[in-house]
C-alpha atoms as a PDB file:
ATOM      1  CA  MET A   1     -28.036   0.253  -5.472  1.00  0.00           C
ATOM      2  CA  GLU A   2     -25.973  -0.994  -2.516  1.00  0.00           C
ATOM      3  CA  VAL A   3     -23.917  -4.071  -1.648  1.00  0.00           C
ATOM      4  CA  VAL A   4     -22.718  -4.812   1.891  1.00  0.00           C
ATOM      5  CA  LEU A   5     -20.199  -7.578   2.552  1.00  0.00           C
ATOM      6  CA  HIS A   6     -19.130  -8.761   6.006  1.00  0.00           C
ATOM      7  CA  LEU A   7     -15.879 -10.549   5.293  1.00  0.00           C
ATOM      8  CA  PRO A   8     -13.733 -12.854   7.411  1.00  0.00           C
ATOM      9  CA  VAL A   9      -9.962 -12.725   7.318  1.00  0.00           C
ATOM     10  CA  VAL A  10      -9.256 -15.687   5.046  1.00  0.00           C
ATOM     11  CA  PRO A  11      -6.940 -16.049   2.048  1.00  0.00           C
ATOM     12  CA  ASN A  12      -8.177 -14.375  -1.141  1.00  0.00           C
ATOM     13  CA  VAL A  13     -11.353 -12.920   0.389  1.00  0.00           C
ATOM     14  CA  GLU A  14     -10.369  -9.570  -1.149  1.00  0.00           C
ATOM     15  CA  LEU A  15     -11.168 -11.114  -4.537  1.00  0.00           C
ATOM     16  CA  VAL A  16     -14.817 -11.480  -3.494  1.00  0.00           C
ATOM     17  CA  ALA A  17     -14.942  -7.732  -2.874  1.00  0.00           C
ATOM     18  CA  ALA A  18     -13.176  -7.053  -6.187  1.00  0.00           C
ATOM     19  CA  LYS A  19     -15.836  -9.078  -8.039  1.00  0.00           C
ATOM     20  CA  ALA A  20     -18.530  -6.964  -6.390  1.00  0.00           C
ATOM     21  CA  VAL A  21     -16.765  -3.802  -7.627  1.00  0.00           C
ATOM     22  CA  GLU A  22     -16.656  -5.232 -11.145  1.00  0.00           C
ATOM     23  CA  ALA A  23     -20.370  -6.080 -11.058  1.00  0.00           C
ATOM     24  CA  LEU A  24     -21.521  -2.725  -9.688  1.00  0.00           C
ATOM     25  CA  GLY A  25     -19.123  -0.710 -11.852  1.00  0.00           C
ATOM     26  CA  GLY A  26     -20.366  -2.561 -14.923  1.00  0.00           C
ATOM     27  CA  ALA A  27     -23.989  -1.943 -13.927  1.00  0.00           C
ATOM     28  CA  LEU A  28     -23.209   1.784 -13.677  1.00  0.00           C
ATOM     29  CA  GLY A  29     -21.754   1.781 -17.197  1.00  0.00           C
ATOM     30  CA  MET A  30     -18.294   2.628 -15.919  1.00  0.00           C
ATOM     31  CA  HIS A  31     -15.423   2.314 -18.415  1.00  0.00           C
ATOM     32  CA  GLN A  32     -13.431  -0.896 -17.928  1.00  0.00           C
ATOM     33  CA  THR A  33     -10.231   0.973 -16.998  1.00  0.00           C
ATOM     34  CA  HIS A  34     -12.127   2.778 -14.215  1.00  0.00           C
ATOM     35  CA  VAL A  35     -13.606  -0.510 -12.993  1.00  0.00           C
ATOM     36  CA  GLU A  36     -10.137  -2.057 -12.918  1.00  0.00           C
ATOM     37  CA  ALA A  37      -8.702   0.932 -11.023  1.00  0.00           C
ATOM     38  CA  ALA A  38     -11.503   0.761  -8.453  1.00  0.00           C
ATOM     39  CA  SER A  39     -11.037  -2.995  -8.148  1.00  0.00           C
ATOM     40  CA  VAL A  40      -7.300  -2.652  -7.430  1.00  0.00           C
ATOM     41  CA  ALA A  41      -7.997   0.089  -4.870  1.00  0.00           C
ATOM     42  CA  MET A  42     -10.587  -2.186  -3.237  1.00  0.00           C
ATOM     43  CA  VAL A  43      -8.102  -5.054  -3.027  1.00  0.00           C
ATOM     44  CA  GLU A  44      -5.498  -2.771  -1.415  1.00  0.00           C
ATOM     45  CA  ALA A  45      -8.005  -1.457   1.133  1.00  0.00           C
ATOM     46  CA  CYS A  46      -9.105  -5.015   1.963  1.00  0.00           C
ATOM     47  CA  LEU A  47      -5.505  -6.203   2.380  1.00  0.00           C
ATOM     48  CA  ASN A  48      -4.853  -3.298   4.759  1.00  0.00           C
ATOM     49  CA  ALA A  49      -8.027  -4.119   6.726  1.00  0.00           C
ATOM     50  CA  MET A  50      -7.001  -7.773   6.988  1.00  0.00           C
ATOM     51  CA  GLU A  51      -3.449  -6.944   8.050  1.00  0.00           C
ATOM     52  CA  HIS A  52      -4.207  -4.156  10.509  1.00  0.00           C
ATOM     53  CA  GLY A  53      -7.862  -4.632  11.435  1.00  0.00           C
ATOM     54  CA  GLY A  54      -7.587  -7.519  13.822  1.00  0.00           C
ATOM     55  CA  GLY A  55     -10.559  -9.486  12.552  1.00  0.00           C
ATOM     56  CA  PRO A  56     -13.548  -9.489  10.208  1.00  0.00           C
ATOM     57  CA  PHE A  57     -14.188  -6.309   8.236  1.00  0.00           C
ATOM     58  CA  THR A  58     -17.021  -4.720   6.275  1.00  0.00           C
ATOM     59  CA  VAL A  59     -17.160  -3.545   2.666  1.00  0.00           C
ATOM     60  CA  ARG A  60     -19.930  -1.258   1.420  1.00  0.00           C
ATOM     61  CA  LEU A  61     -20.438  -0.446  -2.252  1.00  0.00           C
ATOM     62  CA  ARG A  62     -23.059   1.927  -3.582  1.00  0.00           C
ATOM     63  CA  SER A  63     -23.820   4.204  -6.463  1.00  0.00           C
ATOM     64  CA  GLU A  64     -24.297   7.917  -5.841  1.00  0.00           C
ATOM     65  CA  ASN A  65     -24.746  11.123  -7.776  1.00  0.00           C
ATOM     66  CA  GLN A  66     -22.411  13.881  -6.649  1.00  0.00           C
ATOM     67  CA  GLU A  67     -23.533  17.142  -8.254  1.00  0.00           C
ATOM     68  CA  SER A  68     -25.215  15.160 -11.071  1.00  0.00           C
ATOM     69  CA  ARG A  69     -22.074  13.063 -11.596  1.00  0.00           C
ATOM     70  CA  PRO A  70     -22.669   9.336 -11.055  1.00  0.00           C
ATOM     71  CA  CYS A  71     -19.996   7.577  -9.056  1.00  0.00           C
ATOM     72  CA  LEU A  72     -19.136   4.337  -7.338  1.00  0.00           C
ATOM     73  CA  VAL A  73     -18.569   4.709  -3.597  1.00  0.00           C
ATOM     74  CA  ILE A  74     -16.497   2.083  -1.802  1.00  0.00           C
ATOM     75  CA  GLU A  75     -16.082   1.940   1.969  1.00  0.00           C
ATOM     76  CA  VAL A  76     -13.876  -0.530   3.792  1.00  0.00           C
ATOM     77  CA  GLU A  77     -14.170  -0.576   7.578  1.00  0.00           C
ATOM     78  CA  ASP A  78     -12.154  -2.538  10.116  1.00  0.00           C
ATOM     79  CA  HIS A  79     -11.965  -2.543  13.895  1.00  0.00           C
ATOM     80  CA  GLY A  80      -8.247  -2.460  14.558  1.00  0.00           C
ATOM     81  CA  GLU A  81      -6.141  -0.088  16.621  1.00  0.00           C
ATOM     82  CA  GLY A  82      -6.429   2.757  14.126  1.00  0.00           C
ATOM     83  CA  PHE A  83      -3.725   5.092  12.860  1.00  0.00           C
ATOM     84  CA  ASP A  84      -3.139   8.726  12.008  1.00  0.00           C
ATOM     85  CA  PRO A  85      -3.711   9.047   8.232  1.00  0.00           C
ATOM     86  CA  ALA A  86      -1.707  12.293   8.183  1.00  0.00           C
ATOM     87  CA  THR A  87       1.441  10.467   9.288  1.00  0.00           C
ATOM     88  CA  ALA A  88       0.956   7.320   7.176  1.00  0.00           C
ATOM     89  CA  PRO A  89       3.740   6.681   4.652  1.00  0.00           C
ATOM     90  CA  GLN A  90       3.094   8.302   1.294  1.00  0.00           C
ATOM     91  CA  ASN A  91       5.307   6.637  -1.243  1.00  0.00           C
ATOM     92  CA  SER A  92       5.945   8.250  -4.583  1.00  0.00           C
ATOM     93  CA  ALA A  93       6.572   6.299  -7.755  1.00  0.00           C
ATOM     94  CA  SER A  94       9.216   8.814  -8.796  1.00  0.00           C
ATOM     95  CA  ARG A  95      10.983   8.652  -5.426  1.00  0.00           C
ATOM     96  CA  VAL A  96      11.359   4.907  -5.203  1.00  0.00           C
ATOM     97  CA  LEU A  97      11.310   3.832  -8.836  1.00  0.00           C
ATOM     98  CA  GLY A  98      13.547   0.797  -9.092  1.00  0.00           C
ATOM     99  CA  SER A  99      13.562   0.334  -5.337  1.00  0.00           C
ATOM    100  CA  THR A 100      13.157  -3.125  -3.831  1.00  0.00           C
ATOM    101  CA  MET A 101      10.740  -1.685  -1.246  1.00  0.00           C
ATOM    102  CA  LYS A 102       7.536  -3.714  -1.389  1.00  0.00           C
ATOM    103  CA  ARG A 103       5.626  -2.510   1.676  1.00  0.00           C
ATOM    104  CA  GLY A 104       3.629   0.640   2.332  1.00  0.00           C
ATOM    105  CA  TRP A 105       2.159   1.142  -1.136  1.00  0.00           C
ATOM    106  CA  GLY A 106      -1.507   0.415  -0.354  1.00  0.00           C
ATOM    107  CA  LEU A 107      -2.653   3.932   0.545  1.00  0.00           C
ATOM    108  CA  THR A 108      -0.540   5.438  -2.236  1.00  0.00           C
ATOM    109  CA  LEU A 109      -2.180   3.188  -4.825  1.00  0.00           C
ATOM    110  CA  ILE A 110      -5.635   3.887  -3.439  1.00  0.00           C
ATOM    111  CA  ARG A 111      -5.063   7.648  -3.622  1.00  0.00           C
ATOM    112  CA  GLU A 112      -3.671   7.456  -7.162  1.00  0.00           C
ATOM    113  CA  LEU A 113      -6.347   5.139  -8.547  1.00  0.00           C
ATOM    114  CA  MET A 114      -9.468   6.734  -7.070  1.00  0.00           C
ATOM    115  CA  ASP A 115     -10.922  10.193  -7.678  1.00  0.00           C
ATOM    116  CA  GLU A 116     -11.559  10.946  -3.985  1.00  0.00           C
ATOM    117  CA  VAL A 117     -10.303   9.248  -0.830  1.00  0.00           C
ATOM    118  CA  GLN A 118     -11.177   9.971   2.789  1.00  0.00           C
ATOM    119  CA  ILE A 119      -9.735   8.088   5.744  1.00  0.00           C
ATOM    120  CA  ARG A 120     -11.219   8.220   9.227  1.00  0.00           C
ATOM    121  CA  SER A 121      -9.388   6.310  11.910  1.00  0.00           C
ATOM    122  CA  GLY A 122      -9.246   6.003  15.641  1.00  0.00           C
ATOM    123  CA  PRO A 123      -8.998   3.306  18.277  1.00  0.00           C
ATOM    124  CA  GLY A 124     -11.352   0.490  17.293  1.00  0.00           C
ATOM    125  CA  MET A 125     -12.285   1.703  13.805  1.00  0.00           C
ATOM    126  CA  THR A 126     -10.723   2.685  10.499  1.00  0.00           C
ATOM    127  CA  GLN A 127     -12.865   3.542   7.496  1.00  0.00           C
ATOM    128  CA  VAL A 128     -11.453   4.149   4.033  1.00  0.00           C
ATOM    129  CA  SER A 129     -14.029   5.816   1.791  1.00  0.00           C
ATOM    130  CA  MET A 130     -13.269   6.050  -1.934  1.00  0.00           C
ATOM    131  CA  ARG A 131     -15.090   7.467  -4.953  1.00  0.00           C
ATOM    132  CA  LYS A 132     -14.601   6.738  -8.634  1.00  0.00           C
ATOM    133  CA  TYR A 133     -16.697   8.811 -11.023  1.00  0.00           C
ATOM    134  CA  VAL A 134     -18.230   7.048 -13.993  1.00  0.00           C
ATOM    135  CA  GLU A 135     -16.828   9.652 -16.375  1.00  0.00           C
ATOM    136  CA  SER A 136     -13.533  10.436 -14.633  1.00  0.00           C
ATOM    137  CA  ALA A 137     -10.282  10.628 -16.546  1.00  0.00           C
ATOM    138  CA  PRO A 138      -8.716   7.172 -17.099  1.00  0.00           C
END
């Protein structure tokens, strides 16, 4: 099962991708809390792609079995300038709790909400690949 979305940069388009996560996660029998976590991670990845990608972006959703463990795989790809994931800000809830800082949380949320996250980036392409296992801890 696979869904591919080619999305323009328009207001609220990330919600289209979130609905696709909800539909595929539900079809996989994923617990609602896992679907919601994956949906929030998807929205964050889409917002980053829209802000930094410089134009339309692509979302791919598919189901996979990793070592007999079913999972939802989400990939968000843009064609912006790229960045070094190793030097990207990594906020910590404990470090900035109560802070008024509202920027730079996207990758932190993605990493905390998903079971696995891989980021490949270079000039002209960034791809965020995320996995949420059907039976992962809530």
